[in-house]
Protein backbone atom coordinates (compact mmCIF):
# COMPACT_ATOMS: atom_id res chain seq x y z
CA UNK A 1 91.52 115.47 178.46
CA UNK A 2 89.69 112.17 178.05
CA UNK A 3 91.45 108.95 178.60
CA UNK A 4 93.03 106.58 176.33
CA UNK A 5 91.21 103.01 176.81
CA UNK A 6 94.40 101.19 176.54
CA UNK A 7 94.03 97.34 177.07
CA UNK A 8 96.95 94.68 177.98
CA UNK A 9 96.96 91.46 176.27
CA UNK A 10 100.78 89.03 177.68
CA UNK A 11 100.18 85.59 179.19
CA UNK A 12 102.45 86.38 181.89
CA UNK A 13 100.97 87.66 184.82
CA UNK A 14 103.69 89.65 185.87
CA UNK A 15 103.86 91.07 183.21
CA UNK A 16 100.47 92.36 182.71
CA UNK A 17 101.23 93.78 185.95
CA UNK A 18 104.11 95.08 185.17
CA UNK A 19 102.75 97.63 182.24
CA UNK A 20 100.07 98.06 184.32
CA UNK A 21 102.25 99.85 187.11
CA UNK A 22 104.14 101.97 184.59
CA UNK A 23 100.51 103.46 183.02
CA UNK A 24 99.55 103.61 186.80
CA UNK A 25 102.49 105.85 187.40
CA UNK A 26 103.93 107.75 184.67
CA UNK A 27 101.30 107.86 181.50
CA UNK A 28 97.81 109.63 182.52
CA UNK A 29 97.05 109.86 179.50
CA UNK A 30 96.29 105.94 179.37
CA UNK A 31 93.25 104.70 181.10
CA UNK A 32 93.84 100.31 181.47
CA UNK A 33 90.05 98.71 181.12
CA UNK A 34 90.84 95.29 179.90
CA UNK A 35 94.11 93.09 180.98
CA UNK A 36 94.11 89.89 179.44
CA UNK A 37 96.56 86.51 179.16
CA UNK A 38 95.51 84.84 176.08
CA UNK A 39 94.95 85.14 171.99
CA UNK A 40 91.10 83.83 172.78
CA UNK A 41 90.78 85.99 175.80
CA UNK A 42 92.42 89.55 174.29
CA UNK A 43 89.96 89.32 170.83
CA UNK A 44 86.95 89.06 174.18
CA UNK A 45 88.24 92.52 175.66
CA UNK A 46 88.62 93.75 172.73
CA UNK A 47 85.15 93.17 171.63
CA UNK A 48 83.87 94.40 174.92
CA UNK A 49 86.22 97.13 175.80
CA UNK A 50 86.33 99.02 172.36
CA UNK A 51 89.98 100.28 173.43
CA UNK A 52 92.43 103.15 171.40
CA UNK A 53 95.72 101.31 172.60
CA UNK A 54 96.36 97.14 172.57
CA UNK A 55 99.74 95.97 174.44
CA UNK A 56 100.37 93.04 172.35
CA UNK A 57 102.26 90.63 173.23
CA UNK A 58 103.85 88.51 170.47
CA UNK A 59 103.93 84.71 171.94
CA UNK A 60 101.05 83.29 173.83
CA UNK A 61 100.07 79.82 174.10
CA UNK A 62 96.82 79.08 172.21
CA UNK A 63 97.25 81.71 169.13
CA UNK A 64 100.06 84.36 169.08
CA UNK A 65 99.75 88.23 168.98
CA UNK A 66 99.50 87.84 165.59
CA UNK A 67 96.88 85.62 165.50
CA UNK A 68 94.84 87.89 167.54
CA UNK A 69 95.32 90.92 165.05
CA UNK A 70 94.45 88.94 162.28
CA UNK A 71 91.02 89.00 163.80
CA UNK A 72 90.21 92.62 163.60
CA UNK A 73 90.66 93.39 159.64
CA UNK A 74 89.52 96.82 160.42
CA UNK A 75 90.81 98.37 163.35
CA UNK A 76 90.17 100.34 165.27
CA UNK A 77 92.87 100.27 167.85
CA UNK A 78 96.56 100.86 167.57
CA UNK A 79 99.34 98.46 168.85
CA UNK A 80 102.29 98.68 171.17
CA UNK A 81 104.17 94.45 170.58
CA UNK A 82 105.80 93.51 173.71
CA UNK A 83 108.52 91.05 172.03
CA UNK A 84 111.76 89.58 173.25
CA UNK A 85 114.22 90.04 171.29
CA UNK A 86 115.57 87.16 169.99
CA UNK A 87 111.64 86.58 169.00
CA UNK A 88 112.22 85.24 164.97
CA UNK A 89 109.02 87.99 164.02
CA UNK A 90 111.32 91.27 165.66
CA UNK A 91 112.88 91.91 162.46
CA UNK A 92 109.91 92.00 160.22
CA UNK A 93 108.29 93.65 163.31
CA UNK A 94 111.60 96.48 163.05
CA UNK A 95 111.39 96.35 158.97
CA UNK A 96 107.31 97.55 159.13
CA UNK A 97 108.24 100.67 161.32
CA UNK A 98 105.45 99.47 163.61
CA UNK A 99 105.29 100.13 167.00
CA UNK A 100 107.69 97.63 169.98
CA UNK A 101 108.92 97.62 173.17
CA UNK A 102 111.72 94.72 173.99
CA UNK A 103 111.54 92.57 177.33
CA UNK A 104 112.75 92.86 179.90
CA UNK A 105 110.80 96.05 179.59
CA UNK A 106 112.97 99.35 180.57
CA UNK A 107 110.34 101.95 182.35
CA UNK A 108 112.08 104.70 180.49
CA UNK A 109 111.67 103.35 177.23
CA UNK A 110 108.45 101.68 177.76
CA UNK A 111 107.10 105.69 179.00
CA UNK A 112 109.06 106.89 175.32
CA UNK A 113 107.33 104.62 173.00
CA UNK A 114 103.67 105.32 174.47
CA UNK A 115 104.69 108.70 174.05
CA UNK A 116 105.69 108.75 170.76
CA UNK A 117 102.02 106.68 169.73
CA UNK A 118 99.86 109.35 172.10
CA UNK A 119 101.52 111.90 169.81
CA UNK A 120 100.98 110.18 166.64
CA UNK A 121 96.94 110.00 167.51
CA UNK A 122 97.40 114.12 168.74
CA UNK A 123 97.77 114.23 164.40
CA UNK A 124 94.89 115.13 162.64
CA UNK A 125 95.88 113.37 159.38
CA UNK A 126 96.38 110.11 161.66
CA UNK A 127 95.04 106.79 160.71
CA UNK A 128 95.72 103.56 162.30
CA UNK A 129 97.97 101.88 160.23
CA UNK A 130 96.09 98.26 158.79
CA UNK A 131 99.15 95.77 159.29
CA UNK A 132 99.17 94.64 156.07
CA UNK A 133 102.78 94.73 155.73
CA UNK A 134 103.85 93.47 158.82
CA UNK A 135 101.95 90.33 157.83
CA UNK A 136 103.74 90.13 154.56
CA UNK A 137 107.10 90.57 156.07
CA UNK A 138 105.80 87.52 158.37
CA UNK A 139 105.64 85.22 155.64
CA UNK A 140 108.35 86.28 154.49
CA UNK A 141 111.85 84.27 155.53
CA UNK A 142 113.64 87.85 154.52
CA UNK A 143 111.15 90.81 154.83
CA UNK A 144 112.57 92.82 151.87
CA UNK A 145 110.11 95.28 152.57
CA UNK A 146 111.40 98.36 153.94
CA UNK A 147 108.59 101.26 156.21
CA UNK A 148 110.31 104.32 156.16
CA UNK A 149 108.73 107.35 158.11
CA UNK A 150 108.11 110.27 156.13
CA UNK A 151 107.18 114.39 157.14
CA UNK A 152 104.66 113.70 155.72
CA UNK A 153 103.36 109.73 156.62
CA UNK A 154 104.99 106.36 155.57
CA UNK A 155 106.93 104.52 152.41
CA UNK A 156 107.01 101.53 152.32
CA UNK A 157 110.64 100.72 149.84
CA UNK A 158 111.98 97.45 148.53
CA UNK A 159 115.43 97.21 150.11
CA UNK A 160 116.07 96.79 145.58
CA UNK A 161 115.38 99.80 145.00
CA UNK A 162 118.32 101.56 147.47
CA UNK A 163 121.21 103.12 146.66
CA UNK A 164 122.63 104.32 149.88
CA UNK A 165 121.96 105.90 152.45
CA UNK A 166 123.75 108.48 154.31
CA UNK A 167 123.95 109.74 158.36
CA UNK A 168 122.31 113.57 158.60
CA UNK A 169 123.38 114.31 162.60
CA UNK A 170 120.12 111.94 164.15
CA UNK A 171 119.05 111.65 160.75
CA UNK A 172 119.25 109.99 157.61
CA UNK A 173 119.21 110.56 153.63
CA UNK A 174 117.73 107.55 151.29
CA UNK A 175 119.41 107.19 148.01
CA UNK A 176 117.33 105.53 145.49
CA UNK A 177 117.53 103.94 142.14
CA UNK A 178 115.16 106.14 140.60
CA UNK A 179 116.98 109.41 141.73
CA UNK A 180 115.13 110.29 145.11
CA UNK A 181 115.97 111.56 148.28
CA UNK A 182 114.20 111.48 151.03
CA UNK A 183 114.54 112.18 154.97
CA UNK A 184 114.19 109.73 157.72
CA UNK A 185 113.90 110.96 161.28
CA UNK A 186 116.19 108.20 162.60
CA UNK A 187 119.29 107.23 162.37
CA UNK A 188 121.96 105.44 160.35
CA UNK A 189 122.86 102.75 163.05
CA UNK A 190 118.75 101.54 162.94
CA UNK A 191 119.55 101.05 159.01
CA UNK A 192 122.88 99.17 159.29
CA UNK A 193 121.33 96.86 162.04
CA UNK A 194 118.31 96.32 159.37
CA UNK A 195 119.57 95.93 156.33
CA UNK A 196 123.38 94.84 157.30
CA UNK A 197 121.65 90.75 156.19
CA UNK A 198 120.81 92.40 152.98
CA UNK A 199 123.96 93.07 151.38
CA UNK A 200 124.05 96.38 152.58
CA UNK A 201 127.65 97.84 154.35
CA UNK A 202 128.83 100.02 156.50
CA UNK A 203 131.78 101.33 154.88
CA UNK A 204 132.52 104.49 156.72
CA UNK A 205 129.85 106.03 160.02
CA UNK A 206 128.25 107.72 158.18
CA UNK A 207 127.35 105.46 155.27
CA UNK A 208 125.44 102.52 154.71
CA UNK A 209 125.43 101.02 150.92
CA UNK A 210 123.79 98.46 148.64
CA UNK A 211 126.77 95.36 147.81
CA UNK A 212 123.86 95.69 144.12
CA UNK A 213 125.52 98.70 143.31
CA UNK A 214 128.83 99.15 143.88
CA UNK A 215 130.94 99.58 140.16
CA UNK A 216 134.41 100.71 141.14
CA UNK A 217 137.02 101.20 144.10
CA UNK A 218 138.86 103.62 144.19
CA UNK A 219 142.46 102.66 145.94
CA UNK A 220 144.28 106.75 146.37
CA UNK A 221 143.61 108.69 148.87
CA UNK A 222 142.06 106.19 151.84
CA UNK A 223 139.80 104.59 149.44
CA UNK A 224 136.44 105.40 148.13
CA UNK A 225 133.82 103.49 146.51
CA UNK A 226 131.80 104.72 142.89
CA UNK A 227 128.00 103.74 143.12
CA UNK A 228 126.24 102.91 139.88
CA UNK A 229 124.46 106.52 140.39
CA UNK A 230 127.86 108.34 140.34
CA UNK A 231 128.05 109.65 143.67
CA UNK A 232 131.76 108.87 146.14
CA UNK A 233 131.36 106.99 149.57
CA UNK A 234 134.54 107.42 150.94
CA UNK A 235 135.75 103.31 153.26
CA UNK A 236 137.38 103.81 156.91
CA UNK A 237 140.76 102.90 157.20
CA UNK A 238 139.85 99.83 158.22
CA UNK A 239 136.76 98.83 156.43
CA UNK A 240 138.85 98.33 153.16
CA UNK A 241 139.21 95.23 153.60
CA UNK A 242 136.24 93.97 155.37
CA UNK A 243 135.09 95.89 151.97
CA UNK A 244 136.79 93.80 149.29
CA UNK A 245 136.45 90.71 150.76
CA UNK A 246 132.25 91.21 150.69
CA UNK A 247 132.57 92.09 146.92
CA UNK A 248 134.41 89.05 146.46
CA UNK A 249 132.05 87.21 147.86
CA UNK A 250 129.72 89.06 145.91
CA UNK A 251 131.39 88.23 142.66
CA UNK A 252 132.53 85.27 143.36
């Protein structure tokens, strides 16, 4: 099997060494053909080696990982971003559903993330992402377009299109204003973390709702919420007061 040519771009020498060692020991499908410690040197390394995968640090001196990526309008490689959790861009990265690894790097999480990228590349219909949505979300103070993986690719939703999200074991159902529902192979907790700052509220472990589409609150039987599409969502006992406070803020 032909190995995937790989480039590591990170200004931290220890991080480059660590990523290199994980790949050497645990990921035989990859072959590191070059490393670089700045955005400028990263561009040169990519041009010289024509890699299939680039591990790209977000924050580097003299240009960050995004400025490097912009040098390649037509990309022939996949990118796995390497970033700290508190970096300003992490929300845009998550919203855009691009591959990333958090620092400090956990070996098991690193391997799992890379194996997912390799698996995607093995699909005959696979196309290298353009990352246009990522750049769009980076330009916004609050990313508004959410990329969700579907059975046949990726769908891009404005958060205003989402009425609610419902858990189905480790999957999530998205219910949209146009009446459609989409099954996504990610759990509700991930979307709760992403959407909490955008008027979404989790009244129950299995439900996440867009407060803009709340029509009515019913107090009987522990409490439930009627949404504009006619659906009824239960409210957990400990969430009722918080829900009413959130709605008061919206209507006040």
